[in-house]
């Protein structure tokens, strides 16, 4: 069952510089779509367009087959470098009640009960990322959109995140769209993931 179709997309930067032309793809339930390319090629802009948060789309059509309420979005890690006097358990509790003793199952292996007492302000980038992704898992969205989820993570954290996403897709039959650089995604994502290299659609 299709959840998203994009037809012949063309878009530009906010200052009017052409970025992408002729981009078409589709996403089915239970599939993962990985979008690769160097900095400045339009990866994050594409995500914003898909979510209706950008007016830079100049041509083409986007058709969602699921409502906005079925979509969850996790932005880049650097945009969340804020300081709050909370522990990781408190951050997760914003999503509602959850069983802290079953957190390994709920987080698909990302977190252990012993980590829930860590302070957000002193937690590593990987611990913060895994906490925020777990908070999304707890909502069980049908579609998960991730902007460079492995940015600034060490090798072990990247592998944990990728395995958790695979299990989440398998168990929930959800769909994932994630952005990254070729050097990470093309070497690390499973072969079953569909790859789009944005360089091939450059309007320059």
C-alpha atoms as a PDB file:
ATOM      1  CA  UNK A   1       0.000   0.000   0.000  1.00  0.00           C
ATOM      2  CA  UNK A   2       1.428   3.352  -1.042  1.00  0.00           C
ATOM      3  CA  UNK A   3       1.773   6.021   1.641  1.00  0.00           C
ATOM      4  CA  UNK A   4       3.491   8.723  -0.475  1.00  0.00           C
ATOM      5  CA  UNK A   5       3.981   9.588  -4.154  1.00  0.00           C
ATOM      6  CA  UNK A   6       6.111  12.416  -5.547  1.00  0.00           C
ATOM      7  CA  UNK A   7       5.965  13.334  -9.225  1.00  0.00           C
ATOM      8  CA  UNK A   8       8.596  15.312 -11.168  1.00  0.00           C
ATOM      9  CA  UNK A   9       9.524  17.642  -8.301  1.00  0.00           C
ATOM     10  CA  UNK A  10      11.505  20.818  -8.905  1.00  0.00           C
ATOM     11  CA  UNK A  11      12.494  23.223  -6.138  1.00  0.00           C
ATOM     12  CA  UNK A  12      14.876  26.026  -5.248  1.00  0.00           C
ATOM     13  CA  UNK A  13      16.612  27.713  -2.308  1.00  0.00           C
ATOM     14  CA  UNK A  14      14.846  30.539  -0.407  1.00  0.00           C
ATOM     15  CA  UNK A  15      16.918  33.073  -2.399  1.00  0.00           C
ATOM     16  CA  UNK A  16      15.748  31.586  -5.711  1.00  0.00           C
ATOM     17  CA  UNK A  17      18.735  29.389  -6.646  1.00  0.00           C
ATOM     18  CA  UNK A  18      17.567  26.235  -8.506  1.00  0.00           C
ATOM     19  CA  UNK A  19      18.317  23.066  -6.537  1.00  0.00           C
ATOM     20  CA  UNK A  20      16.502  20.013  -7.865  1.00  0.00           C
ATOM     21  CA  UNK A  21      14.557  19.069 -10.980  1.00  0.00           C
ATOM     22  CA  UNK A  22      12.785  15.942 -12.208  1.00  0.00           C
ATOM     23  CA  UNK A  23      12.671  14.073  -8.884  1.00  0.00           C
ATOM     24  CA  UNK A  24      10.037  11.317  -8.649  1.00  0.00           C
ATOM     25  CA  UNK A  25       9.646   8.525  -6.100  1.00  0.00           C
ATOM     26  CA  UNK A  26       7.106   6.598  -4.057  1.00  0.00           C
ATOM     27  CA  UNK A  27       7.040   5.025  -0.618  1.00  0.00           C
ATOM     28  CA  UNK A  28       5.047   1.983   0.432  1.00  0.00           C
ATOM     29  CA  UNK A  29       3.990   0.862   3.878  1.00  0.00           C
ATOM     30  CA  UNK A  30       6.848  -0.902   5.666  1.00  0.00           C
ATOM     31  CA  UNK A  31       9.542   0.567   3.399  1.00  0.00           C
ATOM     32  CA  UNK A  32      12.486   2.826   4.176  1.00  0.00           C
ATOM     33  CA  UNK A  33      13.658   5.583   1.842  1.00  0.00           C
ATOM     34  CA  UNK A  34      17.192   6.958   2.367  1.00  0.00           C
ATOM     35  CA  UNK A  35      18.019  10.315   0.752  1.00  0.00           C
ATOM     36  CA  UNK A  36      21.738  10.962   0.292  1.00  0.00           C
ATOM     37  CA  UNK A  37      23.887  13.764  -1.051  1.00  0.00           C
ATOM     38  CA  UNK A  38      26.440  16.420  -0.031  1.00  0.00           C
ATOM     39  CA  UNK A  39      25.676  19.525   2.014  1.00  0.00           C
ATOM     40  CA  UNK A  40      23.589  22.102   0.190  1.00  0.00           C
ATOM     41  CA  UNK A  41      22.031  19.722  -2.349  1.00  0.00           C
ATOM     42  CA  UNK A  42      18.481  20.116  -0.995  1.00  0.00           C
ATOM     43  CA  UNK A  43      17.982  17.102   1.277  1.00  0.00           C
ATOM     44  CA  UNK A  44      16.521  19.001   4.241  1.00  0.00           C
ATOM     45  CA  UNK A  45      14.575  21.266   1.889  1.00  0.00           C
ATOM     46  CA  UNK A  46      12.948  18.174   0.382  1.00  0.00           C
ATOM     47  CA  UNK A  47      11.831  17.008   3.837  1.00  0.00           C
ATOM     48  CA  UNK A  48      10.347  20.434   4.581  1.00  0.00           C
ATOM     49  CA  UNK A  49       8.501  20.381   1.252  1.00  0.00           C
ATOM     50  CA  UNK A  50       7.132  16.904   1.944  1.00  0.00           C
ATOM     51  CA  UNK A  51       5.815  18.100   5.296  1.00  0.00           C
ATOM     52  CA  UNK A  52       4.291  21.272   3.831  1.00  0.00           C
ATOM     53  CA  UNK A  53       6.705  23.528   5.730  1.00  0.00           C
ATOM     54  CA  UNK A  54       8.391  25.102   2.689  1.00  0.00           C
ATOM     55  CA  UNK A  55       7.129  27.149  -0.245  1.00  0.00           C
ATOM     56  CA  UNK A  56      10.186  26.425  -2.386  1.00  0.00           C
ATOM     57  CA  UNK A  57       8.462  23.772  -4.523  1.00  0.00           C
ATOM     58  CA  UNK A  58       8.180  25.203  -8.050  1.00  0.00           C
ATOM     59  CA  UNK A  59       6.969  22.215 -10.040  1.00  0.00           C
ATOM     60  CA  UNK A  60       5.646  18.714  -9.583  1.00  0.00           C
ATOM     61  CA  UNK A  61       3.132  17.141  -7.234  1.00  0.00           C
ATOM     62  CA  UNK A  62       3.197  15.454  -3.825  1.00  0.00           C
ATOM     63  CA  UNK A  63       0.443  13.042  -2.834  1.00  0.00           C
ATOM     64  CA  UNK A  64       0.197  11.674   0.701  1.00  0.00           C
ATOM     65  CA  UNK A  65      -2.084   8.699   1.227  1.00  0.00           C
ATOM     66  CA  UNK A  66      -2.017   9.099   5.008  1.00  0.00           C
ATOM     67  CA  UNK A  67      -3.101  12.098   7.151  1.00  0.00           C
ATOM     68  CA  UNK A  68      -0.576  14.489   8.767  1.00  0.00           C
ATOM     69  CA  UNK A  69      -1.383  12.973  12.160  1.00  0.00           C
ATOM     70  CA  UNK A  70       0.232   9.710  10.989  1.00  0.00           C
ATOM     71  CA  UNK A  71       3.626  11.402  10.447  1.00  0.00           C
ATOM     72  CA  UNK A  72       6.369  12.015  13.036  1.00  0.00           C
ATOM     73  CA  UNK A  73       9.423  14.196  12.365  1.00  0.00           C
ATOM     74  CA  UNK A  74      12.829  14.258  14.057  1.00  0.00           C
ATOM     75  CA  UNK A  75      15.004  17.251  13.024  1.00  0.00           C
ATOM     76  CA  UNK A  76      18.795  17.390  12.988  1.00  0.00           C
ATOM     77  CA  UNK A  77      20.550  16.937  16.323  1.00  0.00           C
ATOM     78  CA  UNK A  78      22.268  20.350  16.333  1.00  0.00           C
ATOM     79  CA  UNK A  79      18.894  22.090  16.458  1.00  0.00           C
ATOM     80  CA  UNK A  80      18.216  20.470  19.839  1.00  0.00           C
ATOM     81  CA  UNK A  81      21.321  21.549  21.783  1.00  0.00           C
ATOM     82  CA  UNK A  82      19.234  23.131  24.525  1.00  0.00           C
ATOM     83  CA  UNK A  83      19.694  22.845  28.289  1.00  0.00           C
ATOM     84  CA  UNK A  84      16.879  21.686  30.544  1.00  0.00           C
ATOM     85  CA  UNK A  85      16.912  20.510  34.141  1.00  0.00           C
ATOM     86  CA  UNK A  86      15.423  17.103  33.361  1.00  0.00           C
ATOM     87  CA  UNK A  87      16.521  13.496  33.250  1.00  0.00           C
ATOM     88  CA  UNK A  88      15.916  11.273  30.213  1.00  0.00           C
ATOM     89  CA  UNK A  89      12.922   9.667  31.932  1.00  0.00           C
ATOM     90  CA  UNK A  90      11.282  13.115  32.204  1.00  0.00           C
ATOM     91  CA  UNK A  91      11.825  13.782  28.491  1.00  0.00           C
ATOM     92  CA  UNK A  92      10.148  10.490  27.598  1.00  0.00           C
ATOM     93  CA  UNK A  93       7.280  11.141  30.005  1.00  0.00           C
ATOM     94  CA  UNK A  94       6.166  14.078  27.826  1.00  0.00           C
ATOM     95  CA  UNK A  95       4.832  11.459  25.398  1.00  0.00           C
ATOM     96  CA  UNK A  96       2.600   9.937  28.089  1.00  0.00           C
ATOM     97  CA  UNK A  97       2.772   6.989  30.437  1.00  0.00           C
ATOM     98  CA  UNK A  98       5.258   4.234  29.651  1.00  0.00           C
ATOM     99  CA  UNK A  99       6.691   1.209  31.464  1.00  0.00           C
ATOM    100  CA  UNK A 100      10.258   2.106  32.420  1.00  0.00           C
ATOM    101  CA  UNK A 101      11.017  -1.549  33.126  1.00  0.00           C
ATOM    102  CA  UNK A 102      10.115  -2.445  29.538  1.00  0.00           C
ATOM    103  CA  UNK A 103      11.986   0.456  27.970  1.00  0.00           C
ATOM    104  CA  UNK A 104      14.424  -1.806  26.102  1.00  0.00           C
ATOM    105  CA  UNK A 105      11.495  -3.354  24.241  1.00  0.00           C
ATOM    106  CA  UNK A 106       9.698  -0.016  23.726  1.00  0.00           C
ATOM    107  CA  UNK A 107      12.863   1.638  22.413  1.00  0.00           C
ATOM    108  CA  UNK A 108      13.795  -1.349  20.233  1.00  0.00           C
ATOM    109  CA  UNK A 109      17.076  -1.683  22.082  1.00  0.00           C
ATOM    110  CA  UNK A 110      18.064   2.002  22.146  1.00  0.00           C
ATOM    111  CA  UNK A 111      17.744   2.566  25.909  1.00  0.00           C
ATOM    112  CA  UNK A 112      18.159   0.578  29.125  1.00  0.00           C
ATOM    113  CA  UNK A 113      16.287   1.268  32.396  1.00  0.00           C
ATOM    114  CA  UNK A 114      19.578   2.318  34.015  1.00  0.00           C
ATOM    115  CA  UNK A 115      19.996   5.134  31.459  1.00  0.00           C
ATOM    116  CA  UNK A 116      16.664   6.800  32.235  1.00  0.00           C
ATOM    117  CA  UNK A 117      18.173   8.582  35.256  1.00  0.00           C
ATOM    118  CA  UNK A 118      20.818  10.362  33.180  1.00  0.00           C
ATOM    119  CA  UNK A 119      20.595  14.159  33.121  1.00  0.00           C
ATOM    120  CA  UNK A 120      19.721  15.617  29.725  1.00  0.00           C
ATOM    121  CA  UNK A 121      22.297  18.389  30.168  1.00  0.00           C
ATOM    122  CA  UNK A 122      25.186  15.949  30.579  1.00  0.00           C
ATOM    123  CA  UNK A 123      23.938  13.159  28.294  1.00  0.00           C
ATOM    124  CA  UNK A 124      25.926  12.519  25.121  1.00  0.00           C
ATOM    125  CA  UNK A 125      24.625  13.377  21.683  1.00  0.00           C
ATOM    126  CA  UNK A 126      23.931   9.699  21.091  1.00  0.00           C
ATOM    127  CA  UNK A 127      21.972   9.357  24.343  1.00  0.00           C
ATOM    128  CA  UNK A 128      19.896  12.431  23.513  1.00  0.00           C
ATOM    129  CA  UNK A 129      19.232  11.209  19.985  1.00  0.00           C
ATOM    130  CA  UNK A 130      18.210   7.758  21.179  1.00  0.00           C
ATOM    131  CA  UNK A 131      15.910   9.292  23.802  1.00  0.00           C
ATOM    132  CA  UNK A 132      14.128  11.512  21.298  1.00  0.00           C
ATOM    133  CA  UNK A 133      13.760   8.678  18.811  1.00  0.00           C
ATOM    134  CA  UNK A 134      12.338   6.472  21.567  1.00  0.00           C
ATOM    135  CA  UNK A 135       9.772   9.167  22.369  1.00  0.00           C
ATOM    136  CA  UNK A 136       8.603   8.903  18.770  1.00  0.00           C
ATOM    137  CA  UNK A 137       8.564   5.101  18.880  1.00  0.00           C
ATOM    138  CA  UNK A 138       6.220   5.312  21.877  1.00  0.00           C
ATOM    139  CA  UNK A 139       3.671   7.099  19.662  1.00  0.00           C
ATOM    140  CA  UNK A 140       3.983   4.359  16.990  1.00  0.00           C
ATOM    141  CA  UNK A 141       3.647   6.680  13.952  1.00  0.00           C
ATOM    142  CA  UNK A 142       2.839   5.232  10.540  1.00  0.00           C
ATOM    143  CA  UNK A 143       5.512   7.381   8.862  1.00  0.00           C
ATOM    144  CA  UNK A 144       8.763   8.547  10.451  1.00  0.00           C
ATOM    145  CA  UNK A 145      10.830  11.346   8.873  1.00  0.00           C
ATOM    146  CA  UNK A 146      14.422  11.735  10.111  1.00  0.00           C
ATOM    147  CA  UNK A 147      16.808  14.541   9.129  1.00  0.00           C
ATOM    148  CA  UNK A 148      20.398  13.237   9.412  1.00  0.00           C
ATOM    149  CA  UNK A 149      19.636  11.034  12.448  1.00  0.00           C
ATOM    150  CA  UNK A 150      23.204   9.664  12.583  1.00  0.00           C
ATOM    151  CA  UNK A 151      24.928  13.038  12.436  1.00  0.00           C
ATOM    152  CA  UNK A 152      27.628  13.391  15.148  1.00  0.00           C
ATOM    153  CA  UNK A 153      27.011   9.856  16.472  1.00  0.00           C
ATOM    154  CA  UNK A 154      29.787   7.344  17.019  1.00  0.00           C
ATOM    155  CA  UNK A 155      29.872   4.027  15.188  1.00  0.00           C
ATOM    156  CA  UNK A 156      28.198   2.055  17.977  1.00  0.00           C
ATOM    157  CA  UNK A 157      25.335   4.552  18.331  1.00  0.00           C
ATOM    158  CA  UNK A 158      24.803   4.595  14.550  1.00  0.00           C
ATOM    159  CA  UNK A 159      24.516   0.815  14.455  1.00  0.00           C
ATOM    160  CA  UNK A 160      22.111   0.841  17.398  1.00  0.00           C
ATOM    161  CA  UNK A 161      19.932   3.412  15.691  1.00  0.00           C
ATOM    162  CA  UNK A 162      19.883   1.548  12.388  1.00  0.00           C
ATOM    163  CA  UNK A 163      18.998  -1.766  14.039  1.00  0.00           C
ATOM    164  CA  UNK A 164      16.238  -0.084  16.046  1.00  0.00           C
ATOM    165  CA  UNK A 165      14.771   1.476  12.900  1.00  0.00           C
ATOM    166  CA  UNK A 166      14.823  -1.888  11.110  1.00  0.00           C
ATOM    167  CA  UNK A 167      13.008  -3.535  14.010  1.00  0.00           C
ATOM    168  CA  UNK A 168      10.524  -0.662  14.280  1.00  0.00           C
ATOM    169  CA  UNK A 169       9.653  -0.938  10.580  1.00  0.00           C
ATOM    170  CA  UNK A 170       9.342  -4.719  10.816  1.00  0.00           C
ATOM    171  CA  UNK A 171       7.165  -4.785  13.938  1.00  0.00           C
ATOM    172  CA  UNK A 172       4.972  -1.730  13.276  1.00  0.00           C
ATOM    173  CA  UNK A 173       4.941  -1.951   9.462  1.00  0.00           C
ATOM    174  CA  UNK A 174       5.715   1.751   9.483  1.00  0.00           C
ATOM    175  CA  UNK A 175       7.549   3.665   6.759  1.00  0.00           C
ATOM    176  CA  UNK A 176      10.739   5.698   7.228  1.00  0.00           C
ATOM    177  CA  UNK A 177      12.265   8.565   5.258  1.00  0.00           C
ATOM    178  CA  UNK A 178      15.750   9.523   6.391  1.00  0.00           C
ATOM    179  CA  UNK A 179      18.416  11.916   5.168  1.00  0.00           C
ATOM    180  CA  UNK A 180      22.185  11.502   5.403  1.00  0.00           C
ATOM    181  CA  UNK A 181      25.506  11.820   3.618  1.00  0.00           C
ATOM    182  CA  UNK A 182      26.691   9.190   1.141  1.00  0.00           C
ATOM    183  CA  UNK A 183      29.675   8.357   3.353  1.00  0.00           C
ATOM    184  CA  UNK A 184      27.373   7.107   6.117  1.00  0.00           C
ATOM    185  CA  UNK A 185      24.115   5.932   4.595  1.00  0.00           C
ATOM    186  CA  UNK A 186      25.424   4.117   1.547  1.00  0.00           C
ATOM    187  CA  UNK A 187      27.837   2.095   3.711  1.00  0.00           C
ATOM    188  CA  UNK A 188      25.585   1.464   6.685  1.00  0.00           C
ATOM    189  CA  UNK A 189      21.944   1.122   5.643  1.00  0.00           C
ATOM    190  CA  UNK A 190      20.603  -2.346   4.789  1.00  0.00           C
ATOM    191  CA  UNK A 191      20.487  -3.309   1.131  1.00  0.00           C
ATOM    192  CA  UNK A 192      16.689  -3.463   1.318  1.00  0.00           C
ATOM    193  CA  UNK A 193      16.518   0.312   1.786  1.00  0.00           C
ATOM    194  CA  UNK A 194      15.694   2.391  -1.296  1.00  0.00           C
ATOM    195  CA  UNK A 195      18.334   5.047  -1.958  1.00  0.00           C
ATOM    196  CA  UNK A 196      17.884   8.401  -3.702  1.00  0.00           C
ATOM    197  CA  UNK A 197      21.097  10.281  -4.530  1.00  0.00           C
ATOM    198  CA  UNK A 198      20.127  13.946  -4.813  1.00  0.00           C
ATOM    199  CA  UNK A 199      23.207  14.709  -6.898  1.00  0.00           C
ATOM    200  CA  UNK A 200      21.527  12.957  -9.790  1.00  0.00           C
ATOM    201  CA  UNK A 201      18.678  15.486  -9.771  1.00  0.00           C
ATOM    202  CA  UNK A 202      20.705  18.685  -9.400  1.00  0.00           C
ATOM    203  CA  UNK A 203      19.317  21.657 -11.315  1.00  0.00           C
ATOM    204  CA  UNK A 204      22.710  23.363 -11.419  1.00  0.00           C
END
